[in-house]
Amino acid sequence: RKAWAIPIMEGDFIVENDFGVVEGIAGG
């Protein structure tokens, strides 16, 4: 997966480049 390594005090924070969005349902 394409991700970013962001240098922080404990080492690197890894976050994926993009995130999926889908149609969901709420209020059950």
mmCIF file of all heavy atoms, coordinates in Angstrom:
data_MODEL
# 
_entry.id   MODEL 
# 
loop_
_atom_site.group_PDB 
_atom_site.id 
_atom_site.type_symbol 
_atom_site.label_atom_id 
_atom_site.label_alt_id 
_atom_site.label_comp_id 
_atom_site.label_asym_id 
_atom_site.label_entity_id 
_atom_site.label_seq_id 
_atom_site.pdbx_PDB_ins_code 
_atom_site.Cartn_x 
_atom_site.Cartn_y 
_atom_site.Cartn_z 
_atom_site.occupancy 
_atom_site.B_iso_or_equiv 
_atom_site.pdbx_formal_charge 
_atom_site.auth_seq_id 
_atom_site.auth_comp_id 
_atom_site.auth_asym_id 
_atom_site.auth_atom_id 
_atom_site.pdbx_PDB_model_num 
ATOM 1   N N   . ARG A 1 1  ? 0.834   -1.207 0.000  1.00 0.00 ? 1  ARG A N   1 
ATOM 2   C CA  . ARG A 1 1  ? 0.000   0.000  0.000  1.00 0.00 ? 1  ARG A CA  1 
ATOM 3   C C   . ARG A 1 1  ? 0.872   1.262  0.000  1.00 0.00 ? 1  ARG A C   1 
ATOM 4   O O   . ARG A 1 1  ? 1.884   1.323  0.698  1.00 0.00 ? 1  ARG A O   1 
ATOM 5   C CB  . ARG A 1 1  ? -0.911  0.018  1.219  1.00 0.00 ? 1  ARG A CB  1 
ATOM 6   C CG  . ARG A 1 1  ? -1.826  -1.192 1.325  1.00 0.00 ? 1  ARG A CG  1 
ATOM 7   C CD  . ARG A 1 1  ? -2.838  -0.984 2.414  1.00 0.00 ? 1  ARG A CD  1 
ATOM 8   N NE  . ARG A 1 1  ? -3.655  -2.167 2.659  1.00 0.00 ? 1  ARG A NE  1 
ATOM 9   C CZ  . ARG A 1 1  ? -4.813  -2.132 3.297  1.00 0.00 ? 1  ARG A CZ  1 
ATOM 10  N NH1 . ARG A 1 1  ? -5.290  -0.982 3.759  1.00 0.00 ? 1  ARG A NH1 1 
ATOM 11  N NH2 . ARG A 1 1  ? -5.503  -3.244 3.490  1.00 0.00 ? 1  ARG A NH2 1 
ATOM 12  N N   . LYS A 1 2  ? 0.438   2.250  -0.752 1.00 0.00 ? 2  LYS A N   1 
ATOM 13  C CA  . LYS A 1 2  ? 1.122   3.541  -0.770 1.00 0.00 ? 2  LYS A CA  1 
ATOM 14  C C   . LYS A 1 2  ? 0.825   4.263  0.535  1.00 0.00 ? 2  LYS A C   1 
ATOM 15  O O   . LYS A 1 2  ? -0.341  4.451  0.910  1.00 0.00 ? 2  LYS A O   1 
ATOM 16  C CB  . LYS A 1 2  ? 0.640   4.372  -1.960 1.00 0.00 ? 2  LYS A CB  1 
ATOM 17  C CG  . LYS A 1 2  ? 1.263   5.764  -2.035 1.00 0.00 ? 2  LYS A CG  1 
ATOM 18  C CD  . LYS A 1 2  ? 0.699   6.544  -3.215 1.00 0.00 ? 2  LYS A CD  1 
ATOM 19  C CE  . LYS A 1 2  ? 1.238   7.964  -3.239 1.00 0.00 ? 2  LYS A CE  1 
ATOM 20  N NZ  . LYS A 1 2  ? 0.648   8.751  -4.376 1.00 0.00 ? 2  LYS A NZ  1 
ATOM 21  N N   . ALA A 1 3  ? 1.886   4.671  1.227  1.00 0.00 ? 3  ALA A N   1 
ATOM 22  C CA  . ALA A 1 3  ? 1.718   5.316  2.526  1.00 0.00 ? 3  ALA A CA  1 
ATOM 23  C C   . ALA A 1 3  ? 2.781   6.399  2.706  1.00 0.00 ? 3  ALA A C   1 
ATOM 24  O O   . ALA A 1 3  ? 3.681   6.569  1.857  1.00 0.00 ? 3  ALA A O   1 
ATOM 25  C CB  . ALA A 1 3  ? 1.824   4.276  3.644  1.00 0.00 ? 3  ALA A CB  1 
ATOM 26  N N   . TRP A 1 4  ? 2.654   7.112  3.821  1.00 0.00 ? 4  TRP A N   1 
ATOM 27  C CA  . TRP A 1 4  ? 3.623   8.152  4.165  1.00 0.00 ? 4  TRP A CA  1 
ATOM 28  C C   . TRP A 1 4  ? 4.240   7.845  5.516  1.00 0.00 ? 4  TRP A C   1 
ATOM 29  O O   . TRP A 1 4  ? 3.534   7.448  6.449  1.00 0.00 ? 4  TRP A O   1 
ATOM 30  C CB  . TRP A 1 4  ? 2.962   9.521  4.193  1.00 0.00 ? 4  TRP A CB  1 
ATOM 31  C CG  . TRP A 1 4  ? 2.524   9.986  2.838  1.00 0.00 ? 4  TRP A CG  1 
ATOM 32  C CD1 . TRP A 1 4  ? 1.287   9.853  2.272  1.00 0.00 ? 4  TRP A CD1 1 
ATOM 33  C CD2 . TRP A 1 4  ? 3.340   10.633 1.867  1.00 0.00 ? 4  TRP A CD2 1 
ATOM 34  N NE1 . TRP A 1 4  ? 1.278   10.362 1.004  1.00 0.00 ? 4  TRP A NE1 1 
ATOM 35  C CE2 . TRP A 1 4  ? 2.530   10.859 0.723  1.00 0.00 ? 4  TRP A CE2 1 
ATOM 36  C CE3 . TRP A 1 4  ? 4.675   11.040 1.840  1.00 0.00 ? 4  TRP A CE3 1 
ATOM 37  C CZ2 . TRP A 1 4  ? 3.013   11.476 -0.420 1.00 0.00 ? 4  TRP A CZ2 1 
ATOM 38  C CZ3 . TRP A 1 4  ? 5.160   11.663 0.693  1.00 0.00 ? 4  TRP A CZ3 1 
ATOM 39  C CH2 . TRP A 1 4  ? 4.328   11.869 -0.421 1.00 0.00 ? 4  TRP A CH2 1 
ATOM 40  N N   . ALA A 1 5  ? 5.552   8.020  5.602  1.00 0.00 ? 5  ALA A N   1 
ATOM 41  C CA  . ALA A 1 5  ? 6.266   7.900  6.870  1.00 0.00 ? 5  ALA A CA  1 
ATOM 42  C C   . ALA A 1 5  ? 6.564   9.313  7.361  1.00 0.00 ? 5  ALA A C   1 
ATOM 43  O O   . ALA A 1 5  ? 7.314   10.055 6.708  1.00 0.00 ? 5  ALA A O   1 
ATOM 44  C CB  . ALA A 1 5  ? 7.544   7.095  6.694  1.00 0.00 ? 5  ALA A CB  1 
ATOM 45  N N   . ILE A 1 6  ? 5.983   9.669  8.470  1.00 0.00 ? 6  ILE A N   1 
ATOM 46  C CA  . ILE A 1 6  ? 6.142   11.010 9.028  1.00 0.00 ? 6  ILE A CA  1 
ATOM 47  C C   . ILE A 1 6  ? 7.032   10.908 10.265 1.00 0.00 ? 6  ILE A C   1 
ATOM 48  O O   . ILE A 1 6  ? 6.669   10.229 11.231 1.00 0.00 ? 6  ILE A O   1 
ATOM 49  C CB  . ILE A 1 6  ? 4.777   11.614 9.402  1.00 0.00 ? 6  ILE A CB  1 
ATOM 50  C CG1 . ILE A 1 6  ? 3.875   11.679 8.158  1.00 0.00 ? 6  ILE A CG1 1 
ATOM 51  C CG2 . ILE A 1 6  ? 4.945   12.991 10.023 1.00 0.00 ? 6  ILE A CG2 1 
ATOM 52  C CD1 . ILE A 1 6  ? 2.442   12.082 8.464  1.00 0.00 ? 6  ILE A CD1 1 
ATOM 53  N N   . PRO A 1 7  ? 8.194   11.559 10.262 1.00 0.00 ? 7  PRO A N   1 
ATOM 54  C CA  . PRO A 1 7  ? 9.084   11.468 11.414 1.00 0.00 ? 7  PRO A CA  1 
ATOM 55  C C   . PRO A 1 7  ? 8.460   12.121 12.652 1.00 0.00 ? 7  PRO A C   1 
ATOM 56  O O   . PRO A 1 7  ? 8.018   13.274 12.597 1.00 0.00 ? 7  PRO A O   1 
ATOM 57  C CB  . PRO A 1 7  ? 10.336  12.235 10.978 1.00 0.00 ? 7  PRO A CB  1 
ATOM 58  C CG  . PRO A 1 7  ? 10.241  12.343 9.493  1.00 0.00 ? 7  PRO A CG  1 
ATOM 59  C CD  . PRO A 1 7  ? 8.773   12.374 9.183  1.00 0.00 ? 7  PRO A CD  1 
ATOM 60  N N   . ILE A 1 8  ? 8.400   11.367 13.729 1.00 0.00 ? 8  ILE A N   1 
ATOM 61  C CA  . ILE A 1 8  ? 7.917   11.907 15.018 1.00 0.00 ? 8  ILE A CA  1 
ATOM 62  C C   . ILE A 1 8  ? 8.886   11.460 16.103 1.00 0.00 ? 8  ILE A C   1 
ATOM 63  O O   . ILE A 1 8  ? 9.856   10.744 15.837 1.00 0.00 ? 8  ILE A O   1 
ATOM 64  C CB  . ILE A 1 8  ? 6.483   11.433 15.336 1.00 0.00 ? 8  ILE A CB  1 
ATOM 65  C CG1 . ILE A 1 8  ? 6.396   9.903  15.349 1.00 0.00 ? 8  ILE A CG1 1 
ATOM 66  C CG2 . ILE A 1 8  ? 5.494   12.004 14.315 1.00 0.00 ? 8  ILE A CG2 1 
ATOM 67  C CD1 . ILE A 1 8  ? 5.045   9.360  15.783 1.00 0.00 ? 8  ILE A CD1 1 
ATOM 68  N N   . MET A 1 9  ? 8.641   11.843 17.337 1.00 0.00 ? 9  MET A N   1 
ATOM 69  C CA  . MET A 1 9  ? 9.625   11.625 18.392 1.00 0.00 ? 9  MET A CA  1 
ATOM 70  C C   . MET A 1 9  ? 9.910   10.152 18.677 1.00 0.00 ? 9  MET A C   1 
ATOM 71  O O   . MET A 1 9  ? 11.013  9.789  19.078 1.00 0.00 ? 9  MET A O   1 
ATOM 72  C CB  . MET A 1 9  ? 9.194   12.353 19.669 1.00 0.00 ? 9  MET A CB  1 
ATOM 73  C CG  . MET A 1 9  ? 9.272   13.871 19.553 1.00 0.00 ? 9  MET A CG  1 
ATOM 74  S SD  . MET A 1 9  ? 9.122   14.726 21.136 1.00 0.00 ? 9  MET A SD  1 
ATOM 75  C CE  . MET A 1 9  ? 7.425   14.366 21.565 1.00 0.00 ? 9  MET A CE  1 
ATOM 76  N N   . GLU A 1 10 ? 8.909   9.272  18.471 1.00 0.00 ? 10 GLU A N   1 
ATOM 77  C CA  . GLU A 1 10 ? 9.150   7.863  18.774 1.00 0.00 ? 10 GLU A CA  1 
ATOM 78  C C   . GLU A 1 10 ? 9.708   7.081  17.591 1.00 0.00 ? 10 GLU A C   1 
ATOM 79  O O   . GLU A 1 10 ? 10.058  5.912  17.725 1.00 0.00 ? 10 GLU A O   1 
ATOM 80  C CB  . GLU A 1 10 ? 7.870   7.194  19.270 1.00 0.00 ? 10 GLU A CB  1 
ATOM 81  C CG  . GLU A 1 10 ? 6.820   6.989  18.188 1.00 0.00 ? 10 GLU A CG  1 
ATOM 82  C CD  . GLU A 1 10 ? 5.691   6.059  18.628 1.00 0.00 ? 10 GLU A CD  1 
ATOM 83  O OE1 . GLU A 1 10 ? 5.653   5.662  19.805 1.00 0.00 ? 10 GLU A OE1 1 
ATOM 84  O OE2 . GLU A 1 10 ? 4.844   5.759  17.770 1.00 0.00 ? 10 GLU A OE2 1 
ATOM 85  N N   . GLY A 1 11 ? 9.750   7.698  16.420 1.00 0.00 ? 11 GLY A N   1 
ATOM 86  C CA  . GLY A 1 11 ? 10.195  7.017  15.196 1.00 0.00 ? 11 GLY A CA  1 
ATOM 87  C C   . GLY A 1 11 ? 9.462   7.580  14.005 1.00 0.00 ? 11 GLY A C   1 
ATOM 88  O O   . GLY A 1 11 ? 9.494   8.783  13.766 1.00 0.00 ? 11 GLY A O   1 
ATOM 89  N N   . ASP A 1 12 ? 8.731   6.745  13.237 1.00 0.00 ? 12 ASP A N   1 
ATOM 90  C CA  . ASP A 1 12 ? 7.916   7.199  12.111 1.00 0.00 ? 12 ASP A CA  1 
ATOM 91  C C   . ASP A 1 12 ? 6.459   6.822  12.351 1.00 0.00 ? 12 ASP A C   1 
ATOM 92  O O   . ASP A 1 12 ? 6.163   5.706  12.786 1.00 0.00 ? 12 ASP A O   1 
ATOM 93  C CB  . ASP A 1 12 ? 8.362   6.551  10.799 1.00 0.00 ? 12 ASP A CB  1 
ATOM 94  C CG  . ASP A 1 12 ? 9.603   7.199  10.211 1.00 0.00 ? 12 ASP A CG  1 
ATOM 95  O OD1 . ASP A 1 12 ? 9.943   8.328  10.645 1.00 0.00 ? 12 ASP A OD1 1 
ATOM 96  O OD2 . ASP A 1 12 ? 10.241  6.579  9.336  1.00 0.00 ? 12 ASP A OD2 1 
ATOM 97  N N   . PHE A 1 13 ? 5.572   7.772  12.053 1.00 0.00 ? 13 PHE A N   1 
ATOM 98  C CA  . PHE A 1 13 ? 4.130   7.469  12.005 1.00 0.00 ? 13 PHE A CA  1 
ATOM 99  C C   . PHE A 1 13 ? 3.796   7.121  10.565 1.00 0.00 ? 13 PHE A C   1 
ATOM 100 O O   . PHE A 1 13 ? 4.118   7.866  9.642  1.00 0.00 ? 13 PHE A O   1 
ATOM 101 C CB  . PHE A 1 13 ? 3.315   8.670  12.462 1.00 0.00 ? 13 PHE A CB  1 
ATOM 102 C CG  . PHE A 1 13 ? 1.834   8.527  12.221 1.00 0.00 ? 13 PHE A CG  1 
ATOM 103 C CD1 . PHE A 1 13 ? 1.088   7.613  12.940 1.00 0.00 ? 13 PHE A CD1 1 
ATOM 104 C CD2 . PHE A 1 13 ? 1.189   9.298  11.257 1.00 0.00 ? 13 PHE A CD2 1 
ATOM 105 C CE1 . PHE A 1 13 ? -0.282  7.467  12.719 1.00 0.00 ? 13 PHE A CE1 1 
ATOM 106 C CE2 . PHE A 1 13 ? -0.178  9.169  11.032 1.00 0.00 ? 13 PHE A CE2 1 
ATOM 107 C CZ  . PHE A 1 13 ? -0.914  8.250  11.767 1.00 0.00 ? 13 PHE A CZ  1 
ATOM 108 N N   . ILE A 1 14 ? 3.135   5.983  10.376 1.00 0.00 ? 14 ILE A N   1 
ATOM 109 C CA  . ILE A 1 14 ? 2.762   5.528  9.036  1.00 0.00 ? 14 ILE A CA  1 
ATOM 110 C C   . ILE A 1 14 ? 1.267   5.758  8.825  1.00 0.00 ? 14 ILE A C   1 
ATOM 111 O O   . ILE A 1 14 ? 0.441   5.308  9.617  1.00 0.00 ? 14 ILE A O   1 
ATOM 112 C CB  . ILE A 1 14 ? 3.085   4.030  8.837  1.00 0.00 ? 14 ILE A CB  1 
ATOM 113 C CG1 . ILE A 1 14 ? 4.554   3.744  9.151  1.00 0.00 ? 14 ILE A CG1 1 
ATOM 114 C CG2 . ILE A 1 14 ? 2.734   3.606  7.414  1.00 0.00 ? 14 ILE A CG2 1 
ATOM 115 C CD1 . ILE A 1 14 ? 5.535   4.466  8.259  1.00 0.00 ? 14 ILE A CD1 1 
ATOM 116 N N   . VAL A 1 15 ? 0.930   6.439  7.741  1.00 0.00 ? 15 VAL A N   1 
ATOM 117 C CA  . VAL A 1 15 ? -0.473  6.653  7.389  1.00 0.00 ? 15 VAL A CA  1 
ATOM 118 C C   . VAL A 1 15 ? -0.650  6.369  5.904  1.00 0.00 ? 15 VAL A C   1 
ATOM 119 O O   . VAL A 1 15 ? 0.155   6.804  5.073  1.00 0.00 ? 15 VAL A O   1 
ATOM 120 C CB  . VAL A 1 15 ? -0.931  8.092  7.739  1.00 0.00 ? 15 VAL A CB  1 
ATOM 121 C CG1 . VAL A 1 15 ? -0.104  9.150  7.014  1.00 0.00 ? 15 VAL A CG1 1 
ATOM 122 C CG2 . VAL A 1 15 ? -2.415  8.279  7.430  1.00 0.00 ? 15 VAL A CG2 1 
ATOM 123 N N   . GLU A 1 16 ? -1.672  5.603  5.570  1.00 0.00 ? 16 GLU A N   1 
ATOM 124 C CA  . GLU A 1 16 ? -1.939  5.301  4.162  1.00 0.00 ? 16 GLU A CA  1 
ATOM 125 C C   . GLU A 1 16 ? -2.313  6.565  3.415  1.00 0.00 ? 16 GLU A C   1 
ATOM 126 O O   . GLU A 1 16 ? -2.937  7.476  3.970  1.00 0.00 ? 16 GLU A O   1 
ATOM 127 C CB  . GLU A 1 16 ? -3.049  4.250  4.051  1.00 0.00 ? 16 GLU A CB  1 
ATOM 128 C CG  . GLU A 1 16 ? -3.156  3.657  2.667  1.00 0.00 ? 16 GLU A CG  1 
ATOM 129 C CD  . GLU A 1 16 ? -3.850  2.311  2.644  1.00 0.00 ? 16 GLU A CD  1 
ATOM 130 O OE1 . GLU A 1 16 ? -4.007  1.676  3.714  1.00 0.00 ? 16 GLU A OE1 1 
ATOM 131 O OE2 . GLU A 1 16 ? -4.234  1.872  1.551  1.00 0.00 ? 16 GLU A OE2 1 
ATOM 132 N N   . ASN A 1 17 ? -1.945  6.624  2.141  1.00 0.00 ? 17 ASN A N   1 
ATOM 133 C CA  . ASN A 1 17 ? -2.155  7.837  1.355  1.00 0.00 ? 17 ASN A CA  1 
ATOM 134 C C   . ASN A 1 17 ? -3.617  8.216  1.219  1.00 0.00 ? 17 ASN A C   1 
ATOM 135 O O   . ASN A 1 17 ? -3.985  9.386  1.366  1.00 0.00 ? 17 ASN A O   1 
ATOM 136 C CB  . ASN A 1 17 ? -1.547  7.667  -0.033 1.00 0.00 ? 17 ASN A CB  1 
ATOM 137 C CG  . ASN A 1 17 ? -1.647  8.925  -0.871 1.00 0.00 ? 17 ASN A CG  1 
ATOM 138 O OD1 . ASN A 1 17 ? -0.930  9.894  -0.647 1.00 0.00 ? 17 ASN A OD1 1 
ATOM 139 N ND2 . ASN A 1 17 ? -2.548  8.935  -1.847 1.00 0.00 ? 17 ASN A ND2 1 
ATOM 140 N N   . ASP A 1 18 ? -4.482  7.236  0.919  1.00 0.00 ? 18 ASP A N   1 
ATOM 141 C CA  . ASP A 1 18 ? -5.894  7.560  0.740  1.00 0.00 ? 18 ASP A CA  1 
ATOM 142 C C   . ASP A 1 18 ? -6.771  6.491  1.388  1.00 0.00 ? 18 ASP A C   1 
ATOM 143 O O   . ASP A 1 18 ? -6.349  5.364  1.607  1.00 0.00 ? 18 ASP A O   1 
ATOM 144 C CB  . ASP A 1 18 ? -6.250  7.734  -0.738 1.00 0.00 ? 18 ASP A CB  1 
ATOM 145 C CG  . ASP A 1 18 ? -5.817  6.556  -1.585 1.00 0.00 ? 18 ASP A CG  1 
ATOM 146 O OD1 . ASP A 1 18 ? -4.613  6.471  -1.926 1.00 0.00 ? 18 ASP A OD1 1 
ATOM 147 O OD2 . ASP A 1 18 ? -6.665  5.719  -1.908 1.00 0.00 ? 18 ASP A OD2 1 
ATOM 148 N N   . PHE A 1 19 ? -8.007  6.894  1.678  1.00 0.00 ? 19 PHE A N   1 
ATOM 149 C CA  . PHE A 1 19 ? -8.949  6.049  2.402  1.00 0.00 ? 19 PHE A CA  1 
ATOM 150 C C   . PHE A 1 19 ? -10.250 5.924  1.617  1.00 0.00 ? 19 PHE A C   1 
ATOM 151 O O   . PHE A 1 19 ? -10.709 6.886  0.987  1.00 0.00 ? 19 PHE A O   1 
ATOM 152 C CB  . PHE A 1 19 ? -9.240  6.643  3.788  1.00 0.00 ? 19 PHE A CB  1 
ATOM 153 C CG  . PHE A 1 19 ? -8.086  6.515  4.746  1.00 0.00 ? 19 PHE A CG  1 
ATOM 154 C CD1 . PHE A 1 19 ? -6.976  7.338  4.630  1.00 0.00 ? 19 PHE A CD1 1 
ATOM 155 C CD2 . PHE A 1 19 ? -8.098  5.569  5.757  1.00 0.00 ? 19 PHE A CD2 1 
ATOM 156 C CE1 . PHE A 1 19 ? -5.900  7.217  5.496  1.00 0.00 ? 19 PHE A CE1 1 
ATOM 157 C CE2 . PHE A 1 19 ? -7.033  5.429  6.634  1.00 0.00 ? 19 PHE A CE2 1 
ATOM 158 C CZ  . PHE A 1 19 ? -5.923  6.264  6.505  1.00 0.00 ? 19 PHE A CZ  1 
ATOM 159 N N   . GLY A 1 20 ? -10.855 4.737  1.668  1.00 0.00 ? 20 GLY A N   1 
ATOM 160 C CA  . GLY A 1 20 ? -12.105 4.490  0.970  1.00 0.00 ? 20 GLY A CA  1 
ATOM 161 C C   . GLY A 1 20 ? -13.305 5.035  1.720  1.00 0.00 ? 20 GLY A C   1 
ATOM 162 O O   . GLY A 1 20 ? -13.311 5.104  2.953  1.00 0.00 ? 20 GLY A O   1 
ATOM 163 N N   . VAL A 1 21 ? -14.309 5.419  0.960  1.00 0.00 ? 21 VAL A N   1 
ATOM 164 C CA  . VAL A 1 21 ? -15.589 5.885  1.510  1.00 0.00 ? 21 VAL A CA  1 
ATOM 165 C C   . VAL A 1 21 ? -16.702 5.116  0.815  1.00 0.00 ? 21 VAL A C   1 
ATOM 166 O O   . VAL A 1 21 ? -16.706 5.002  -0.423 1.00 0.00 ? 21 VAL A O   1 
ATOM 167 C CB  . VAL A 1 21 ? -15.779 7.400  1.302  1.00 0.00 ? 21 VAL A CB  1 
ATOM 168 C CG1 . VAL A 1 21 ? -17.164 7.837  1.763  1.00 0.00 ? 21 VAL A CG1 1 
ATOM 169 C CG2 . VAL A 1 21 ? -14.710 8.191  2.044  1.00 0.00 ? 21 VAL A CG2 1 
ATOM 170 N N   . VAL A 1 22 ? -17.646 4.585  1.581  1.00 0.00 ? 22 VAL A N   1 
ATOM 171 C CA  . VAL A 1 22 ? -18.766 3.845  1.000  1.00 0.00 ? 22 VAL A CA  1 
ATOM 172 C C   . VAL A 1 22 ? -20.083 4.371  1.546  1.00 0.00 ? 22 VAL A C   1 
ATOM 173 O O   . VAL A 1 22 ? -20.122 5.084  2.560  1.00 0.00 ? 22 VAL A O   1 
ATOM 174 C CB  . VAL A 1 22 ? -18.667 2.329  1.308  1.00 0.00 ? 22 VAL A CB  1 
ATOM 175 C CG1 . VAL A 1 22 ? -17.424 1.739  0.667  1.00 0.00 ? 22 VAL A CG1 1 
ATOM 176 C CG2 . VAL A 1 22 ? -18.680 2.069  2.807  1.00 0.00 ? 22 VAL A CG2 1 
ATOM 177 N N   . GLU A 1 23 ? -21.160 4.013  0.859  1.00 0.00 ? 23 GLU A N   1 
ATOM 178 C CA  . GLU A 1 23 ? -22.492 4.329  1.341  1.00 0.00 ? 23 GLU A CA  1 
ATOM 179 C C   . GLU A 1 23 ? -22.845 3.356  2.469  1.00 0.00 ? 23 GLU A C   1 
ATOM 180 O O   . GLU A 1 23 ? -22.833 2.139  2.282  1.00 0.00 ? 23 GLU A O   1 
ATOM 181 C CB  . GLU A 1 23 ? -23.519 4.197  0.213  1.00 0.00 ? 23 GLU A CB  1 
ATOM 182 C CG  . GLU A 1 23 ? -23.331 5.189  -0.924 1.00 0.00 ? 23 GLU A CG  1 
ATOM 183 C CD  . GLU A 1 23 ? -23.705 6.609  -0.542 1.00 0.00 ? 23 GLU A CD  1 
ATOM 184 O OE1 . GLU A 1 23 ? -24.403 6.779  0.477  1.00 0.00 ? 23 GLU A OE1 1 
ATOM 185 O OE2 . GLU A 1 23 ? -23.292 7.532  -1.268 1.00 0.00 ? 23 GLU A OE2 1 
ATOM 186 N N   . GLY A 1 24 ? -23.143 3.889  3.640  1.00 0.00 ? 24 GLY A N   1 
ATOM 187 C CA  . GLY A 1 24 ? -23.509 3.062  4.777  1.00 0.00 ? 24 GLY A CA  1 
ATOM 188 C C   . GLY A 1 24 ? -24.869 3.423  5.314  1.00 0.00 ? 24 GLY A C   1 
ATOM 189 O O   . GLY A 1 24 ? -25.620 4.192  4.702  1.00 0.00 ? 24 GLY A O   1 
ATOM 190 N N   . ILE A 1 25 ? -25.167 2.880  6.454  1.00 0.00 ? 25 ILE A N   1 
ATOM 191 C CA  . ILE A 1 25 ? -26.491 3.064  7.056  1.00 0.00 ? 25 ILE A CA  1 
ATOM 192 C C   . ILE A 1 25 ? -26.324 3.365  8.543  1.00 0.00 ? 25 ILE A C   1 
ATOM 193 O O   . ILE A 1 25 ? -25.429 2.822  9.190  1.00 0.00 ? 25 ILE A O   1 
ATOM 194 C CB  . ILE A 1 25 ? -27.356 1.805  6.837  1.00 0.00 ? 25 ILE A CB  1 
ATOM 195 C CG1 . ILE A 1 25 ? -28.836 2.096  7.020  1.00 0.00 ? 25 ILE A CG1 1 
ATOM 196 C CG2 . ILE A 1 25 ? -26.898 0.654  7.674  1.00 0.00 ? 25 ILE A CG2 1 
ATOM 197 C CD1 . ILE A 1 25 ? -29.497 2.659  5.800  1.00 0.00 ? 25 ILE A CD1 1 
ATOM 198 N N   . ALA A 1 26 ? -27.167 4.244  9.065  1.00 0.00 ? 26 ALA A N   1 
ATOM 199 C CA  . ALA A 1 26 ? -27.088 4.622  10.476 1.00 0.00 ? 26 ALA A CA  1 
ATOM 200 C C   . ALA A 1 26 ? -28.484 4.628  11.086 1.00 0.00 ? 26 ALA A C   1 
ATOM 201 O O   . ALA A 1 26 ? -29.480 4.807  10.397 1.00 0.00 ? 26 ALA A O   1 
ATOM 202 C CB  . ALA A 1 26 ? -26.440 5.996  10.630 1.00 0.00 ? 26 ALA A CB  1 
ATOM 203 N N   . GLY A 1 27 ? -28.538 4.446  12.383 1.00 0.00 ? 27 GLY A N   1 
ATOM 204 C CA  . GLY A 1 27 ? -29.801 4.566  13.098 1.00 0.00 ? 27 GLY A CA  1 
ATOM 205 C C   . GLY A 1 27 ? -30.533 3.267  13.356 1.00 0.00 ? 27 GLY A C   1 
ATOM 206 O O   . GLY A 1 27 ? -31.659 3.291  13.878 1.00 0.00 ? 27 GLY A O   1 
ATOM 207 N N   . GLY A 1 28 ? -29.934 2.112  13.000 1.00 0.00 ? 28 GLY A N   1 
ATOM 208 C CA  . GLY A 1 28 ? -30.561 0.859  13.415 1.00 0.00 ? 28 GLY A CA  1 
ATOM 209 C C   . GLY A 1 28 ? -30.729 0.870  14.920 1.00 0.00 ? 28 GLY A C   1 
ATOM 210 O O   . GLY A 1 28 ? -29.815 1.283  15.642 1.00 0.00 ? 28 GLY A O   1 
# 
